[in-house]
């Protein structure tokens, strides 16, 4: 989570055109239910983990009224979205499989923000935002950071919420669940202008309580 003081007033990012402030606010407050929290149901498993489960199960689960938004790849939204028009969607723009091992990860764009805007117009689905994954510490980090920055900026240009998945991973990352490293990853998301960041739960360390770890992430 990046923004904290939303109970009284939502701060609209400066890169959102004035004419789209109301649209961004509607998207943001719809998925957060006018709170400072987002219950994001992320289901990009079909690509990321080569998951054999029927993808329609994820759409069924995403109808739970407690869920703020359902993040999935655009292809699955195109296939199943008409059957589930009342779900609030986050279009996941990139992805990679887990078939390759012992390589620094690289996850490139599969769809652009412009693709999503056009798809939203034609489908009528309630697409509230977009998502993109960065593997921090990978030798391909700079490439993914550049794509992420453009995704956030372009999403805001269309009044969409921008969510980043940021996971420390790669040959140079020795402890990907280190609390300070994950807090730093949250700070990177803030620097890129993301509205929310999805990070792994850090491992508890001897000198940090769970509350201190969460404060590290939130304040980053």
Protein backbone atom coordinates (compact mmCIF):
# COMPACT_ATOMS: atom_id res chain seq x y z
CA UNK A 1 0.00 0.00 0.00
CA UNK A 2 1.33 3.39 -0.90
CA UNK A 3 -1.26 6.03 -0.03
CA UNK A 4 -2.40 6.11 3.59
CA UNK A 5 -4.69 9.08 4.20
CA UNK A 6 -7.70 8.21 2.06
CA UNK A 7 -10.43 8.14 4.69
CA UNK A 8 -10.97 11.89 4.38
CA UNK A 9 -9.75 12.86 0.92
CA UNK A 10 -8.20 11.12 -2.06
CA UNK A 11 -5.15 12.83 -3.51
CA UNK A 12 -5.31 12.67 -7.31
CA UNK A 13 -1.86 12.10 -8.88
CA UNK A 14 -0.62 15.10 -10.87
CA UNK A 15 -0.11 13.03 -14.04
CA UNK A 16 -3.86 12.46 -14.40
CA UNK A 17 -5.49 15.00 -16.75
CA UNK A 18 -7.88 17.37 -15.01
CA UNK A 19 -10.78 16.15 -17.15
CA UNK A 20 -10.23 12.58 -15.91
CA UNK A 21 -10.01 13.26 -12.16
CA UNK A 22 -13.57 12.09 -11.57
CA UNK A 23 -12.98 8.88 -13.56
CA UNK A 24 -9.80 8.07 -11.63
CA UNK A 25 -11.54 8.77 -8.34
CA UNK A 26 -14.43 6.49 -9.32
CA UNK A 27 -12.03 3.70 -10.30
CA UNK A 28 -9.97 4.08 -7.14
CA UNK A 29 -12.86 4.35 -4.71
CA UNK A 30 -14.73 1.48 -6.38
CA UNK A 31 -11.90 -1.03 -5.94
CA UNK A 32 -11.03 0.19 -2.42
CA UNK A 33 -14.68 0.54 -1.41
CA UNK A 34 -13.82 4.09 -0.31
CA UNK A 35 -11.31 2.83 2.22
CA UNK A 36 -7.53 3.02 2.40
CA UNK A 37 -7.18 -0.69 1.51
CA UNK A 38 -7.43 -2.81 -1.61
CA UNK A 39 -8.47 -6.46 -1.48
CA UNK A 40 -6.88 -7.55 -4.74
CA UNK A 41 -7.57 -11.07 -6.00
CA UNK A 42 -4.65 -11.78 -8.32
CA UNK A 43 -5.09 -14.72 -10.69
CA UNK A 44 -2.32 -14.66 -13.27
CA UNK A 45 -1.49 -18.29 -12.48
CA UNK A 46 -2.21 -19.68 -15.94
CA UNK A 47 0.92 -18.03 -17.30
CA UNK A 48 3.05 -17.55 -14.21
CA UNK A 49 2.75 -21.08 -12.81
CA UNK A 50 1.41 -23.01 -15.82
CA UNK A 51 -1.58 -23.70 -13.60
CA UNK A 52 -3.83 -26.48 -15.01
CA UNK A 53 -6.97 -25.35 -13.12
CA UNK A 54 -9.99 -24.29 -15.19
CA UNK A 55 -9.58 -20.48 -15.32
CA UNK A 56 -13.33 -19.97 -14.99
CA UNK A 57 -12.98 -20.99 -11.34
CA UNK A 58 -11.03 -17.78 -10.73
CA UNK A 59 -13.83 -15.70 -12.24
CA UNK A 60 -16.37 -17.47 -10.04
CA UNK A 61 -14.28 -16.69 -6.95
CA UNK A 62 -13.77 -13.09 -8.04
CA UNK A 63 -17.49 -12.43 -7.72
CA UNK A 64 -17.14 -12.44 -3.92
CA UNK A 65 -18.44 -9.00 -2.84
CA UNK A 66 -15.55 -8.53 -0.41
CA UNK A 67 -13.04 -8.50 -3.29
CA UNK A 68 -12.21 -5.03 -4.55
CA UNK A 69 -10.67 -6.01 -7.88
CA UNK A 70 -9.73 -9.09 -9.89
CA UNK A 71 -6.34 -9.02 -11.65
CA UNK A 72 -5.93 -11.34 -14.60
CA UNK A 73 -4.43 -11.37 -18.06
CA UNK A 74 -6.27 -9.69 -20.91
CA UNK A 75 -6.73 -12.92 -22.88
CA UNK A 76 -8.72 -14.50 -20.06
CA UNK A 77 -10.80 -11.36 -19.67
CA UNK A 78 -11.59 -11.53 -23.38
CA UNK A 79 -12.59 -15.19 -23.10
CA UNK A 80 -14.70 -15.09 -19.93
CA UNK A 81 -15.48 -11.43 -19.22
CA UNK A 82 -18.92 -11.36 -20.86
CA UNK A 83 -20.08 -14.04 -18.42
CA UNK A 84 -18.88 -11.95 -15.47
CA UNK A 85 -19.66 -8.31 -16.32
CA UNK A 86 -20.06 -7.18 -12.71
CA UNK A 87 -16.46 -7.89 -11.67
CA UNK A 88 -14.05 -4.96 -11.30
CA UNK A 89 -11.01 -5.90 -13.38
CA UNK A 90 -7.32 -5.08 -13.28
CA UNK A 91 -5.71 -5.95 -16.63
CA UNK A 92 -2.37 -7.69 -16.08
CA UNK A 93 -0.10 -6.55 -18.89
CA UNK A 94 2.94 -8.79 -18.62
CA UNK A 95 3.80 -12.31 -17.58
CA UNK A 96 6.30 -15.13 -17.89
CA UNK A 97 6.19 -18.86 -17.19
CA UNK A 98 8.18 -20.74 -14.57
CA UNK A 99 9.51 -23.16 -17.18
CA UNK A 100 12.96 -21.52 -17.32
CA UNK A 101 15.25 -22.02 -14.34
CA UNK A 102 18.62 -20.57 -13.33
CA UNK A 103 18.04 -17.39 -15.34
CA UNK A 104 17.57 -13.82 -14.24
CA UNK A 105 13.85 -13.22 -14.86
CA UNK A 106 12.51 -10.92 -17.55
CA UNK A 107 8.80 -10.28 -17.98
CA UNK A 108 7.94 -8.09 -20.97
CA UNK A 109 4.71 -6.40 -21.96
CA UNK A 110 2.19 -8.70 -23.64
CA UNK A 111 -0.41 -5.93 -24.01
CA UNK A 112 -0.09 -2.16 -23.88
CA UNK A 113 -2.20 0.33 -21.95
CA UNK A 114 -3.63 1.48 -25.28
CA UNK A 115 -4.68 -2.13 -25.98
CA UNK A 116 -6.51 -2.20 -22.66
CA UNK A 117 -8.23 1.14 -23.27
CA UNK A 118 -9.47 -0.09 -26.65
CA UNK A 119 -10.53 -3.44 -25.18
CA UNK A 120 -12.41 -1.69 -22.38
CA UNK A 121 -14.27 0.48 -24.89
CA UNK A 122 -15.26 -2.48 -27.07
CA UNK A 123 -16.07 -4.96 -24.29
CA UNK A 124 -17.86 -2.70 -21.83
CA UNK A 125 -16.10 -4.47 -18.95
CA UNK A 126 -15.40 -2.57 -15.73
CA UNK A 127 -11.63 -2.37 -16.16
CA UNK A 128 -10.49 -0.17 -13.31
CA UNK A 129 -6.74 -0.35 -13.76
CA UNK A 130 -3.69 -2.17 -15.06
CA UNK A 131 -0.92 -4.19 -13.48
CA UNK A 132 2.71 -4.94 -14.29
CA UNK A 133 5.38 -7.10 -12.61
CA UNK A 134 9.00 -6.02 -12.04
CA UNK A 135 11.71 -8.42 -10.87
CA UNK A 136 13.97 -6.11 -8.89
CA UNK A 137 17.61 -7.18 -8.85
CA UNK A 138 17.38 -9.09 -12.12
CA UNK A 139 20.00 -8.20 -14.73
CA UNK A 140 16.99 -7.07 -16.80
CA UNK A 141 15.78 -4.75 -14.03
CA UNK A 142 16.37 -1.48 -15.90
CA UNK A 143 14.29 -2.66 -18.86
CA UNK A 144 11.35 -3.68 -16.67
CA UNK A 145 11.58 -0.48 -14.62
CA UNK A 146 11.39 1.59 -17.80
CA UNK A 147 8.33 -0.36 -18.98
CA UNK A 148 6.72 -0.07 -15.53
CA UNK A 149 7.23 3.70 -15.48
CA UNK A 150 5.53 4.03 -18.85
CA UNK A 151 2.68 1.73 -17.81
CA UNK A 152 1.97 3.84 -14.72
CA UNK A 153 2.14 7.12 -16.62
CA UNK A 154 -0.01 5.92 -19.52
CA UNK A 155 -2.56 4.35 -17.17
CA UNK A 156 -2.92 7.65 -15.34
CA UNK A 157 -3.31 9.47 -18.65
CA UNK A 158 -6.48 7.41 -19.13
CA UNK A 159 -7.76 7.71 -15.55
CA UNK A 160 -6.86 4.10 -14.69
CA UNK A 161 -5.38 2.85 -11.43
CA UNK A 162 -1.80 1.55 -11.75
CA UNK A 163 -0.67 -1.45 -9.69
CA UNK A 164 2.87 -2.85 -9.68
CA UNK A 165 3.96 -6.30 -8.57
CA UNK A 166 7.59 -5.91 -7.41
CA UNK A 167 9.54 -9.01 -6.43
CA UNK A 168 13.29 -9.05 -5.68
CA UNK A 169 14.59 -11.95 -7.72
CA UNK A 170 17.64 -12.99 -9.71
CA UNK A 171 21.18 -14.30 -9.30
CA UNK A 172 22.31 -11.21 -7.39
CA UNK A 173 19.45 -11.40 -4.86
CA UNK A 174 20.49 -13.57 -1.95
CA UNK A 175 17.52 -13.08 0.37
CA UNK A 176 14.41 -12.17 -1.60
CA UNK A 177 12.23 -12.16 1.54
CA UNK A 178 14.45 -9.76 3.50
CA UNK A 179 12.24 -7.14 5.16
CA UNK A 180 14.43 -4.16 4.26
CA UNK A 181 14.76 -5.31 0.65
CA UNK A 182 10.99 -5.68 0.31
CA UNK A 183 10.46 -2.28 1.92
CA UNK A 184 12.88 -0.90 -0.65
CA UNK A 185 10.85 -2.58 -3.41
CA UNK A 186 7.74 -0.80 -2.13
CA UNK A 187 9.69 2.45 -2.29
CA UNK A 188 10.59 1.76 -5.92
CA UNK A 189 6.89 1.37 -6.72
CA UNK A 190 6.18 4.71 -5.06
CA UNK A 191 8.99 6.31 -7.08
CA UNK A 192 7.45 4.98 -10.29
CA UNK A 193 4.11 6.56 -9.35
CA UNK A 194 2.15 3.37 -8.66
CA UNK A 195 -1.10 3.63 -6.73
CA UNK A 196 -0.59 0.22 -5.12
CA UNK A 197 2.24 -2.26 -4.90
CA UNK A 198 2.01 -6.02 -4.42
CA UNK A 199 5.03 -7.47 -2.61
CA UNK A 200 5.87 -10.80 -1.02
CA UNK A 201 5.37 -11.10 2.72
CA UNK A 202 8.84 -10.58 4.23
CA UNK A 203 10.40 -13.06 6.61
CA UNK A 204 10.30 -12.08 10.23
CA UNK A 205 13.72 -11.17 11.56
CA UNK A 206 15.04 -11.33 15.10
CA UNK A 207 15.12 -7.57 15.54
CA UNK A 208 11.90 -6.64 13.70
CA UNK A 209 8.34 -7.38 14.77
CA UNK A 210 5.59 -8.04 12.21
CA UNK A 211 4.20 -4.57 12.89
CA UNK A 212 7.61 -2.97 12.29
CA UNK A 213 7.97 -4.90 9.02
CA UNK A 214 4.57 -3.74 7.79
CA UNK A 215 5.38 -0.16 8.79
CA UNK A 216 8.61 -0.41 6.78
CA UNK A 217 6.65 -1.41 3.69
CA UNK A 218 3.81 1.09 4.09
CA UNK A 219 6.05 4.08 4.74
CA UNK A 220 8.25 3.16 1.78
